[in-house]
Amino acid sequence: MNKPTPKLFTDKTVLFLFFTAGIGLSIRFFYDDEPQKLSHLFLSWLALGSSSTIAFWFVEKIHDIKVDRDDKNTE
């Protein structure tokens, strides 16, 4: 029997990595001690939004690749 090799980047790990990066960047921009609080709030929102968008994009790409492989295996 062939054992499947464990994959390093699954859907959950990609989501976790990008969400934690976005949360870390948003906290860093929000709690910076400079007077431009409104711009830092915008940067924190931008960091969190872009990281979550990238994470969902990667998950969709991974899912599309899995569906394509399953379709090829059934033919």
PDB file of N, CA and C in Angstrom:
ATOM      1  N   MET A   1       0.836  -1.188   0.000  1.00  0.00           N
ATOM      2  CA  MET A   1       0.000   0.000   0.000  1.00  0.00           C
ATOM      3  C   MET A   1       0.875   1.243   0.000  1.00  0.00           C
ATOM      4  N   ASN A   2       0.486   2.189  -0.800  1.00  0.00           N
ATOM      5  CA  ASN A   2       1.202   3.462  -0.834  1.00  0.00           C
ATOM      6  C   ASN A   2       0.608   4.400   0.199  1.00  0.00           C
ATOM      7  N   LYS A   3       1.480   4.905   1.051  1.00  0.00           N
ATOM      8  CA  LYS A   3       1.018   5.878   2.040  1.00  0.00           C
ATOM      9  C   LYS A   3       1.044   7.261   1.408  1.00  0.00           C
ATOM     10  N   PRO A   4      -0.008   8.037   1.583  1.00  0.00           N
ATOM     11  CA  PRO A   4       0.023   9.401   1.036  1.00  0.00           C
ATOM     12  C   PRO A   4       1.023  10.253   1.808  1.00  0.00           C
ATOM     13  N   THR A   5       1.754  11.054   1.071  1.00  0.00           N
ATOM     14  CA  THR A   5       2.728  11.920   1.729  1.00  0.00           C
ATOM     15  C   THR A   5       1.994  13.087   2.378  1.00  0.00           C
ATOM     16  N   PRO A   6       2.390  13.450   3.587  1.00  0.00           N
ATOM     17  CA  PRO A   6       1.719  14.582   4.235  1.00  0.00           C
ATOM     18  C   PRO A   6       2.051  15.888   3.523  1.00  0.00           C
ATOM     19  N   LYS A   7       1.055  16.706   3.358  1.00  0.00           N
ATOM     20  CA  LYS A   7       1.253  17.974   2.664  1.00  0.00           C
ATOM     21  C   LYS A   7       1.567  19.063   3.682  1.00  0.00           C
ATOM     22  N   LEU A   8       2.498  19.918   3.315  1.00  0.00           N
ATOM     23  CA  LEU A   8       2.906  20.986   4.224  1.00  0.00           C
ATOM     24  C   LEU A   8       1.859  22.090   4.289  1.00  0.00           C
ATOM     25  N   PHE A   9       1.346  22.488   3.143  1.00  0.00           N
ATOM     26  CA  PHE A   9       0.385  23.588   3.106  1.00  0.00           C
ATOM     27  C   PHE A   9      -0.996  23.051   2.761  1.00  0.00           C
ATOM     28  N   THR A  10      -1.803  22.835   3.777  1.00  0.00           N
ATOM     29  CA  THR A  10      -3.196  22.479   3.549  1.00  0.00           C
ATOM     30  C   THR A  10      -4.025  23.756   3.595  1.00  0.00           C
ATOM     31  N   ASP A  11      -5.317  23.621   3.391  1.00  0.00           N
ATOM     32  CA  ASP A  11      -6.195  24.792   3.404  1.00  0.00           C
ATOM     33  C   ASP A  11      -6.138  25.517   4.746  1.00  0.00           C
ATOM     34  N   LYS A  12      -6.175  24.745   5.823  1.00  0.00           N
ATOM     35  CA  LYS A  12      -6.217  25.359   7.150  1.00  0.00           C
ATOM     36  C   LYS A  12      -4.906  26.049   7.499  1.00  0.00           C
ATOM     37  N   THR A  13      -3.769  25.482   7.083  1.00  0.00           N
ATOM     38  CA  THR A  13      -2.499  26.133   7.415  1.00  0.00           C
ATOM     39  C   THR A  13      -2.320  27.426   6.633  1.00  0.00           C
ATOM     40  N   VAL A  14      -2.762  27.454   5.384  1.00  0.00           N
ATOM     41  CA  VAL A  14      -2.662  28.691   4.597  1.00  0.00           C
ATOM     42  C   VAL A  14      -3.539  29.773   5.216  1.00  0.00           C
ATOM     43  N   LEU A  15      -4.759  29.427   5.586  1.00  0.00           N
ATOM     44  CA  LEU A  15      -5.634  30.403   6.237  1.00  0.00           C
ATOM     45  C   LEU A  15      -5.029  30.899   7.541  1.00  0.00           C
ATOM     46  N   PHE A  16      -4.486  29.978   8.331  1.00  0.00           N
ATOM     47  CA  PHE A  16      -3.904  30.352   9.617  1.00  0.00           C
ATOM     48  C   PHE A  16      -2.709  31.279   9.442  1.00  0.00           C
ATOM     49  N   LEU A  17      -1.833  30.975   8.487  1.00  0.00           N
ATOM     50  CA  LEU A  17      -0.645  31.804   8.276  1.00  0.00           C
ATOM     51  C   LEU A  17      -1.013  33.220   7.844  1.00  0.00           C
ATOM     52  N   PHE A  18      -1.916  33.351   6.891  1.00  0.00           N
ATOM     53  CA  PHE A  18      -2.255  34.687   6.413  1.00  0.00           C
ATOM     54  C   PHE A  18      -3.094  35.472   7.411  1.00  0.00           C
ATOM     55  N   PHE A  19      -3.978  34.803   8.147  1.00  0.00           N
ATOM     56  CA  PHE A  19      -4.751  35.524   9.155  1.00  0.00           C
ATOM     57  C   PHE A  19      -3.859  36.019  10.281  1.00  0.00           C
ATOM     58  N   THR A  20      -2.912  35.179  10.738  1.00  0.00           N
ATOM     59  CA  THR A  20      -2.026  35.630  11.808  1.00  0.00           C
ATOM     60  C   THR A  20      -1.102  36.742  11.328  1.00  0.00           C
ATOM     61  N   ALA A  21      -0.665  36.673  10.076  1.00  0.00           N
ATOM     62  CA  ALA A  21       0.154  37.764   9.543  1.00  0.00           C
ATOM     63  C   ALA A  21      -0.653  39.051   9.469  1.00  0.00           C
ATOM     64  N   GLY A  22      -1.878  38.965   9.024  1.00  0.00           N
ATOM     65  CA  GLY A  22      -2.722  40.155   8.952  1.00  0.00           C
ATOM     66  C   GLY A  22      -3.046  40.727  10.313  1.00  0.00           C
ATOM     67  N   ILE A  23      -3.317  39.866  11.283  1.00  0.00           N
ATOM     68  CA  ILE A  23      -3.599  40.349  12.633  1.00  0.00           C
ATOM     69  C   ILE A  23      -2.353  40.982  13.237  1.00  0.00           C
ATOM     70  N   GLY A  24      -1.206  40.365  13.020  1.00  0.00           N
ATOM     71  CA  GLY A  24       0.039  40.939  13.534  1.00  0.00           C
ATOM     72  C   GLY A  24       0.348  42.292  12.922  1.00  0.00           C
ATOM     73  N   LEU A  25       0.165  42.415  11.617  1.00  0.00           N
ATOM     74  CA  LEU A  25       0.401  43.710  10.970  1.00  0.00           C
ATOM     75  C   LEU A  25      -0.605  44.756  11.423  1.00  0.00           C
ATOM     76  N   SER A  26      -1.853  44.350  11.590  1.00  0.00           N
ATOM     77  CA  SER A  26      -2.853  45.333  12.008  1.00  0.00           C
ATOM     78  C   SER A  26      -2.593  45.809  13.432  1.00  0.00           C
ATOM     79  N   ILE A  27      -2.173  44.911  14.311  1.00  0.00           N
ATOM     80  CA  ILE A  27      -1.831  45.325  15.675  1.00  0.00           C
ATOM     81  C   ILE A  27      -0.610  46.231  15.665  1.00  0.00           C
ATOM     82  N   ARG A  28       0.357  45.921  14.831  1.00  0.00           N
ATOM     83  CA  ARG A  28       1.572  46.733  14.757  1.00  0.00           C
ATOM     84  C   ARG A  28       1.255  48.140  14.271  1.00  0.00           C
ATOM     85  N   PHE A  29       0.417  48.265  13.250  1.00  0.00           N
ATOM     86  CA  PHE A  29       0.078  49.585  12.738  1.00  0.00           C
ATOM     87  C   PHE A  29      -0.852  50.340  13.688  1.00  0.00           C
ATOM     88  N   PHE A  30      -1.748  49.634  14.362  1.00  0.00           N
ATOM     89  CA  PHE A  30      -2.728  50.307  15.212  1.00  0.00           C
ATOM     90  C   PHE A  30      -2.100  50.837  16.494  1.00  0.00           C
ATOM     91  N   TYR A  31      -1.156  50.102  17.069  1.00  0.00           N
ATOM     92  CA  TYR A  31      -0.568  50.502  18.343  1.00  0.00           C
ATOM     93  C   TYR A  31       0.780  51.183  18.199  1.00  0.00           C
ATOM     94  N   ASP A  32       1.098  51.687  17.022  1.00  0.00           N
ATOM     95  CA  ASP A  32       2.330  52.433  16.841  1.00  0.00           C
ATOM     96  C   ASP A  32       2.182  53.798  17.514  1.00  0.00           C
ATOM     97  N   ASP A  33       3.267  54.318  18.071  1.00  0.00           N
ATOM     98  CA  ASP A  33       3.198  55.558  18.857  1.00  0.00           C
ATOM     99  C   ASP A  33       3.471  56.804  18.032  1.00  0.00           C
ATOM    100  N   GLU A  34       2.908  56.889  16.876  1.00  0.00           N
ATOM    101  CA  GLU A  34       3.052  58.093  16.067  1.00  0.00           C
ATOM    102  C   GLU A  34       1.716  58.821  16.021  1.00  0.00           C
ATOM    103  N   PRO A  35       1.727  60.126  15.732  1.00  0.00           N
ATOM    104  CA  PRO A  35       0.473  60.884  15.834  1.00  0.00           C
ATOM    105  C   PRO A  35      -0.546  60.616  14.729  1.00  0.00           C
ATOM    106  N   GLN A  36      -0.161  59.938  13.659  1.00  0.00           N
ATOM    107  CA  GLN A  36      -1.107  59.708  12.560  1.00  0.00           C
ATOM    108  C   GLN A  36      -1.965  58.475  12.855  1.00  0.00           C
ATOM    109  N   LYS A  37      -2.844  58.588  13.816  1.00  0.00           N
ATOM    110  CA  LYS A  37      -3.641  57.431  14.208  1.00  0.00           C
ATOM    111  C   LYS A  37      -4.630  57.021  13.122  1.00  0.00           C
ATOM    112  N   LEU A  38      -5.184  57.980  12.394  1.00  0.00           N
ATOM    113  CA  LEU A  38      -6.160  57.633  11.367  1.00  0.00           C
ATOM    114  C   LEU A  38      -5.505  56.866  10.228  1.00  0.00           C
ATOM    115  N   SER A  39      -4.304  57.277   9.842  1.00  0.00           N
ATOM    116  CA  SER A  39      -3.621  56.549   8.774  1.00  0.00           C
ATOM    117  C   SER A  39      -3.193  55.166   9.249  1.00  0.00           C
ATOM    118  N   HIS A  40      -2.834  55.034  10.519  1.00  0.00           N
ATOM    119  CA  HIS A  40      -2.441  53.721  11.026  1.00  0.00           C
ATOM    120  C   HIS A  40      -3.647  52.805  11.171  1.00  0.00           C
ATOM    121  N   LEU A  41      -4.795  53.373  11.491  1.00  0.00           N
ATOM    122  CA  LEU A  41      -6.016  52.569  11.518  1.00  0.00           C
ATOM    123  C   LEU A  41      -6.351  52.072  10.116  1.00  0.00           C
ATOM    124  N   PHE A  42      -6.175  52.934   9.130  1.00  0.00           N
ATOM    125  CA  PHE A  42      -6.408  52.527   7.746  1.00  0.00           C
ATOM    126  C   PHE A  42      -5.415  51.446   7.330  1.00  0.00           C
ATOM    127  N   LEU A  43      -4.134  51.594   7.721  1.00  0.00           N
ATOM    128  CA  LEU A  43      -3.138  50.582   7.370  1.00  0.00           C
ATOM    129  C   LEU A  43      -3.430  49.253   8.049  1.00  0.00           C
ATOM    130  N   SER A  44      -3.908  49.286   9.290  1.00  0.00           N
ATOM    131  CA  SER A  44      -4.242  48.028   9.959  1.00  0.00           C
ATOM    132  C   SER A  44      -5.426  47.350   9.278  1.00  0.00           C
ATOM    133  N   TRP A  45      -6.423  48.144   8.874  1.00  0.00           N
ATOM    134  CA  TRP A  45      -7.567  47.583   8.151  1.00  0.00           C
ATOM    135  C   TRP A  45      -7.120  47.010   6.808  1.00  0.00           C
ATOM    136  N   LEU A  46      -6.216  47.720   6.136  1.00  0.00           N
ATOM    137  CA  LEU A  46      -5.712  47.262   4.845  1.00  0.00           C
ATOM    138  C   LEU A  46      -4.903  45.974   4.992  1.00  0.00           C
ATOM    139  N   ALA A  47      -4.083  45.884   6.028  1.00  0.00           N
ATOM    140  CA  ALA A  47      -3.277  44.682   6.245  1.00  0.00           C
ATOM    141  C   ALA A  47      -4.160  43.475   6.526  1.00  0.00           C
ATOM    142  N   LEU A  48      -5.149  43.650   7.365  1.00  0.00           N
ATOM    143  CA  LEU A  48      -6.039  42.532   7.690  1.00  0.00           C
ATOM    144  C   LEU A  48      -6.886  42.128   6.491  1.00  0.00           C
ATOM    145  N   GLY A  49      -7.385  43.098   5.757  1.00  0.00           N
ATOM    146  CA  GLY A  49      -8.213  42.787   4.596  1.00  0.00           C
ATOM    147  C   GLY A  49      -7.433  42.127   3.478  1.00  0.00           C
ATOM    148  N   SER A  50      -6.230  42.630   3.210  1.00  0.00           N
ATOM    149  CA  SER A  50      -5.449  42.044   2.120  1.00  0.00           C
ATOM    150  C   SER A  50      -4.967  40.649   2.477  1.00  0.00           C
ATOM    151  N   SER A  51      -4.583  40.432   3.742  1.00  0.00           N
ATOM    152  CA  SER A  51      -4.121  39.094   4.110  1.00  0.00           C
ATOM    153  C   SER A  51      -5.256  38.084   4.054  1.00  0.00           C
ATOM    154  N   SER A  52      -6.453  38.482   4.467  1.00  0.00           N
ATOM    155  CA  SER A  52      -7.570  37.539   4.391  1.00  0.00           C
ATOM    156  C   SER A  52      -7.980  37.284   2.946  1.00  0.00           C
ATOM    157  N   THR A  53      -7.895  38.308   2.097  1.00  0.00           N
ATOM    158  CA  THR A  53      -8.207  38.115   0.680  1.00  0.00           C
ATOM    159  C   THR A  53      -7.221  37.161   0.031  1.00  0.00           C
ATOM    160  N   ILE A  54      -5.945  37.330   0.324  1.00  0.00           N
ATOM    161  CA  ILE A  54      -4.923  36.433  -0.224  1.00  0.00           C
ATOM    162  C   ILE A  54      -5.127  35.018   0.295  1.00  0.00           C
ATOM    163  N   ALA A  55      -5.478  34.887   1.567  1.00  0.00           N
ATOM    164  CA  ALA A  55      -5.694  33.558   2.133  1.00  0.00           C
ATOM    165  C   ALA A  55      -6.854  32.850   1.445  1.00  0.00           C
ATOM    166  N   PHE A  56      -7.965  33.537   1.259  1.00  0.00           N
ATOM    167  CA  PHE A  56      -9.100  32.909   0.590  1.00  0.00           C
ATOM    168  C   PHE A  56      -8.800  32.614  -0.874  1.00  0.00           C
ATOM    169  N   TRP A  57      -7.990  33.452  -1.521  1.00  0.00           N
ATOM    170  CA  TRP A  57      -7.598  33.195  -2.905  1.00  0.00           C
ATOM    171  C   TRP A  57      -6.768  31.919  -2.992  1.00  0.00           C
ATOM    172  N   PHE A  58      -5.809  31.745  -2.055  1.00  0.00           N
ATOM    173  CA  PHE A  58      -4.998  30.532  -2.054  1.00  0.00           C
ATOM    174  C   PHE A  58      -5.850  29.299  -1.798  1.00  0.00           C
ATOM    175  N   VAL A  59      -6.796  29.409  -0.887  1.00  0.00           N
ATOM    176  CA  VAL A  59      -7.657  28.259  -0.595  1.00  0.00           C
ATOM    177  C   VAL A  59      -8.486  27.896  -1.817  1.00  0.00           C
ATOM    178  N   GLU A  60      -8.990  28.885  -2.534  1.00  0.00           N
ATOM    179  CA  GLU A  60      -9.741  28.603  -3.758  1.00  0.00           C
ATOM    180  C   GLU A  60      -8.854  27.948  -4.812  1.00  0.00           C
ATOM    181  N   LYS A  61      -7.611  28.408  -4.953  1.00  0.00           N
ATOM    182  CA  LYS A  61      -6.692  27.805  -5.923  1.00  0.00           C
ATOM    183  C   LYS A  61      -6.384  26.363  -5.552  1.00  0.00           C
ATOM    184  N   ILE A  62      -6.136  26.113  -4.259  1.00  0.00           N
ATOM    185  CA  ILE A  62      -5.856  24.749  -3.811  1.00  0.00           C
ATOM    186  C   ILE A  62      -7.067  23.862  -4.073  1.00  0.00           C
ATOM    187  N   HIS A  63      -8.265  24.380  -3.795  1.00  0.00           N
ATOM    188  CA  HIS A  63      -9.482  23.606  -4.025  1.00  0.00           C
ATOM    189  C   HIS A  63      -9.677  23.320  -5.512  1.00  0.00           C
ATOM    190  N   ASP A  64      -9.396  24.303  -6.377  1.00  0.00           N
ATOM    191  CA  ASP A  64      -9.521  24.086  -7.820  1.00  0.00           C
ATOM    192  C   ASP A  64      -8.544  23.028  -8.304  1.00  0.00           C
ATOM    193  N   ILE A  65      -7.329  23.026  -7.772  1.00  0.00           N
ATOM    194  CA  ILE A  65      -6.339  22.019  -8.160  1.00  0.00           C
ATOM    195  C   ILE A  65      -6.808  20.637  -7.719  1.00  0.00           C
ATOM    196  N   LYS A  66      -7.364  20.537  -6.498  1.00  0.00           N
ATOM    197  CA  LYS A  66      -7.863  19.246  -6.016  1.00  0.00           C
ATOM    198  C   LYS A  66      -9.015  18.747  -6.881  1.00  0.00           C
ATOM    199  N   VAL A  67      -9.913  19.642  -7.267  1.00  0.00           N
ATOM    200  CA  VAL A  67     -11.051  19.252  -8.103  1.00  0.00           C
ATOM    201  C   VAL A  67     -10.565  18.803  -9.476  1.00  0.00           C
ATOM    202  N   ASP A  68      -9.584  19.515 -10.046  1.00  0.00           N
ATOM    203  CA  ASP A  68      -9.033  19.112 -11.343  1.00  0.00           C
ATOM    204  C   ASP A  68      -8.381  17.743 -11.267  1.00  0.00           C
ATOM    205  N   ARG A  69      -7.654  17.474 -10.191  1.00  0.00           N
ATOM    206  CA  ARG A  69      -7.019  16.155 -10.029  1.00  0.00           C
ATOM    207  C   ARG A  69      -8.064  15.063  -9.888  1.00  0.00           C
ATOM    208  N   ASP A  70      -9.116  15.344  -9.116  1.00  0.00           N
ATOM    209  CA  ASP A  70     -10.174  14.352  -8.952  1.00  0.00           C
ATOM    210  C   ASP A  70     -10.884  14.079 -10.269  1.00  0.00           C
ATOM    211  N   ASP A  71     -11.094  15.117 -11.072  1.00  0.00           N
ATOM    212  CA  ASP A  71     -11.730  14.933 -12.375  1.00  0.00           C
ATOM    213  C   ASP A  71     -10.856  14.102 -13.307  1.00  0.00           C
ATOM    214  N   LYS A  72      -9.555  14.315 -13.266  1.00  0.00           N
ATOM    215  CA  LYS A  72      -8.648  13.543 -14.123  1.00  0.00           C
ATOM    216  C   LYS A  72      -8.565  12.094 -13.670  1.00  0.00           C
ATOM    217  N   ASN A  73      -8.661  11.862 -12.355  1.00  0.00           N
ATOM    218  CA  ASN A  73      -8.582  10.497 -11.845  1.00  0.00           C
ATOM    219  C   ASN A  73      -9.837   9.694 -12.158  1.00  0.00           C
ATOM    220  N   THR A  74     -10.969  10.357 -12.288  1.00  0.00           N
ATOM    221  CA  THR A  74     -12.201   9.621 -12.567  1.00  0.00           C
ATOM    222  C   THR A  74     -12.373   9.300 -14.042  1.00  0.00           C
ATOM    223  N   GLU A  75     -11.638   9.980 -14.902  1.00  0.00           N
ATOM    224  CA  GLU A  75     -11.782   9.720 -16.342  1.00  0.00           C
ATOM    225  C   GLU A  75     -11.069   8.459 -16.762  1.00  0.00           C
TER     226      GLU A  75
END
